[in-house]
């Protein structure tokens, strides 16, 4: 049985040529590394991508087309802005749902 570390190494190899302009869909990553995912969103592969970033100090971004290796400060800033926008949207949704529930009850 393969270790998490071995899966992570395969992910790093798989994403080594990815870029913002040429991201790789998570389903493709999963198939290339031989991870048999039962769910179409490939949660195990996504988890291993995050773990690989921690264990190997490699930064990956993601968009609606797939994952890509972050190669410069501009790409990093663009991805951080995207994540912060999502964080703000989630915070607003939490407030709206919380307030709506409390007003209704």
Protein backbone atom coordinates (compact mmCIF):
# COMPACT_ATOMS: atom_id res chain seq x y z
CA UNK A 1 0.00 0.00 0.00
CA UNK A 2 1.30 3.43 -0.92
CA UNK A 3 2.06 6.01 1.73
CA UNK A 4 0.61 9.50 1.79
CA UNK A 5 4.10 10.82 1.12
CA UNK A 6 4.35 8.78 -2.10
CA UNK A 7 0.96 10.07 -3.29
CA UNK A 8 2.10 13.61 -2.52
CA UNK A 9 5.29 13.15 -4.54
CA UNK A 10 3.23 11.96 -7.50
CA UNK A 11 0.98 15.03 -7.19
CA UNK A 12 4.01 17.33 -7.19
CA UNK A 13 5.33 15.60 -10.31
CA UNK A 14 1.91 15.80 -11.93
CA UNK A 15 1.54 19.54 -11.25
CA UNK A 16 5.15 20.48 -12.02
CA UNK A 17 4.30 21.85 -15.47
CA UNK A 18 0.95 23.36 -14.55
CA UNK A 19 0.48 27.11 -14.64
CA UNK A 20 -2.20 29.74 -14.15
CA UNK A 21 -2.74 29.69 -17.91
CA UNK A 22 -2.75 25.87 -17.99
CA UNK A 23 -4.27 24.47 -14.78
CA UNK A 24 -4.96 20.76 -14.34
CA UNK A 25 -8.42 19.52 -13.36
CA UNK A 26 -8.47 17.55 -10.12
CA UNK A 27 -10.06 14.58 -11.91
CA UNK A 28 -7.08 14.47 -14.29
CA UNK A 29 -4.64 14.64 -11.37
CA UNK A 30 -6.47 11.81 -9.66
CA UNK A 31 -6.39 9.64 -12.78
CA UNK A 32 -2.73 10.37 -13.58
CA UNK A 33 -1.52 9.43 -10.10
CA UNK A 34 -3.75 6.36 -10.02
CA UNK A 35 -5.99 7.45 -7.15
CA UNK A 36 -9.30 5.66 -7.52
CA UNK A 37 -11.77 8.26 -6.32
CA UNK A 38 -15.38 7.19 -5.91
CA UNK A 39 -16.71 10.76 -5.70
CA UNK A 40 -16.51 13.04 -8.77
CA UNK A 41 -15.11 15.95 -6.70
CA UNK A 42 -12.05 13.84 -5.78
CA UNK A 43 -11.87 14.74 -2.07
CA UNK A 44 -8.91 12.45 -1.29
CA UNK A 45 -6.86 13.98 -4.09
CA UNK A 46 -7.74 17.50 -2.92
CA UNK A 47 -6.69 16.60 0.62
CA UNK A 48 -3.38 15.21 -0.64
CA UNK A 49 -2.74 18.39 -2.65
CA UNK A 50 -3.08 20.44 0.55
CA UNK A 51 -0.86 17.99 2.44
CA UNK A 52 1.77 18.16 -0.32
CA UNK A 53 1.86 21.96 0.01
CA UNK A 54 2.63 21.61 3.72
CA UNK A 55 5.10 18.75 3.44
CA UNK A 56 7.00 19.99 0.38
CA UNK A 57 6.60 23.80 0.64
CA UNK A 58 5.09 24.08 -2.82
CA UNK A 59 2.28 26.59 -3.38
CA UNK A 60 -0.66 25.63 -5.59
CA UNK A 61 -3.60 27.75 -6.55
CA UNK A 62 -6.93 26.64 -7.89
CA UNK A 63 -9.63 28.09 -10.06
CA UNK A 64 -12.70 26.75 -11.83
CA UNK A 65 -10.45 24.99 -14.38
CA UNK A 66 -8.13 23.19 -11.97
CA UNK A 67 -4.95 23.39 -9.91
CA UNK A 68 -1.75 25.14 -10.88
CA UNK A 69 1.68 25.80 -9.42
CA UNK A 70 2.01 29.40 -8.20
CA UNK A 71 5.19 30.66 -9.84
CA UNK A 72 5.53 34.34 -8.93
CA UNK A 73 4.36 37.09 -6.58
CA UNK A 74 1.70 38.31 -8.99
CA UNK A 75 0.08 34.87 -9.15
CA UNK A 76 0.29 34.56 -5.38
CA UNK A 77 -1.39 37.93 -4.86
CA UNK A 78 -4.12 37.12 -7.39
CA UNK A 79 -4.86 33.84 -5.61
CA UNK A 80 -4.79 35.45 -2.14
CA UNK A 81 -7.28 38.07 -3.38
CA UNK A 82 -9.56 35.31 -4.66
CA UNK A 83 -9.43 33.47 -1.32
CA UNK A 84 -10.07 36.65 0.64
CA UNK A 85 -13.07 37.47 -1.57
CA UNK A 86 -14.47 33.99 -0.85
CA UNK A 87 -13.84 34.45 2.86
CA UNK A 88 -15.74 37.75 2.85
CA UNK A 89 -18.63 36.19 0.92
CA UNK A 90 -18.85 33.32 3.43
CA UNK A 91 -18.81 35.76 6.36
CA UNK A 92 -21.66 37.73 4.79
CA UNK A 93 -23.66 34.54 4.21
CA UNK A 94 -23.14 33.48 7.84
CA UNK A 95 -24.46 36.83 9.03
CA UNK A 96 -27.47 36.74 6.69
CA UNK A 97 -28.48 33.20 7.67
CA UNK A 98 -27.93 33.85 11.37
CA UNK A 99 -29.98 37.04 11.35
CA UNK A 100 -32.76 35.55 9.23
CA UNK A 101 -33.06 32.57 11.58
CA UNK A 102 -33.14 34.74 14.68
CA UNK A 103 -35.72 37.13 13.23
CA UNK A 104 -37.96 34.20 12.27
CA UNK A 105 -37.77 32.53 15.70
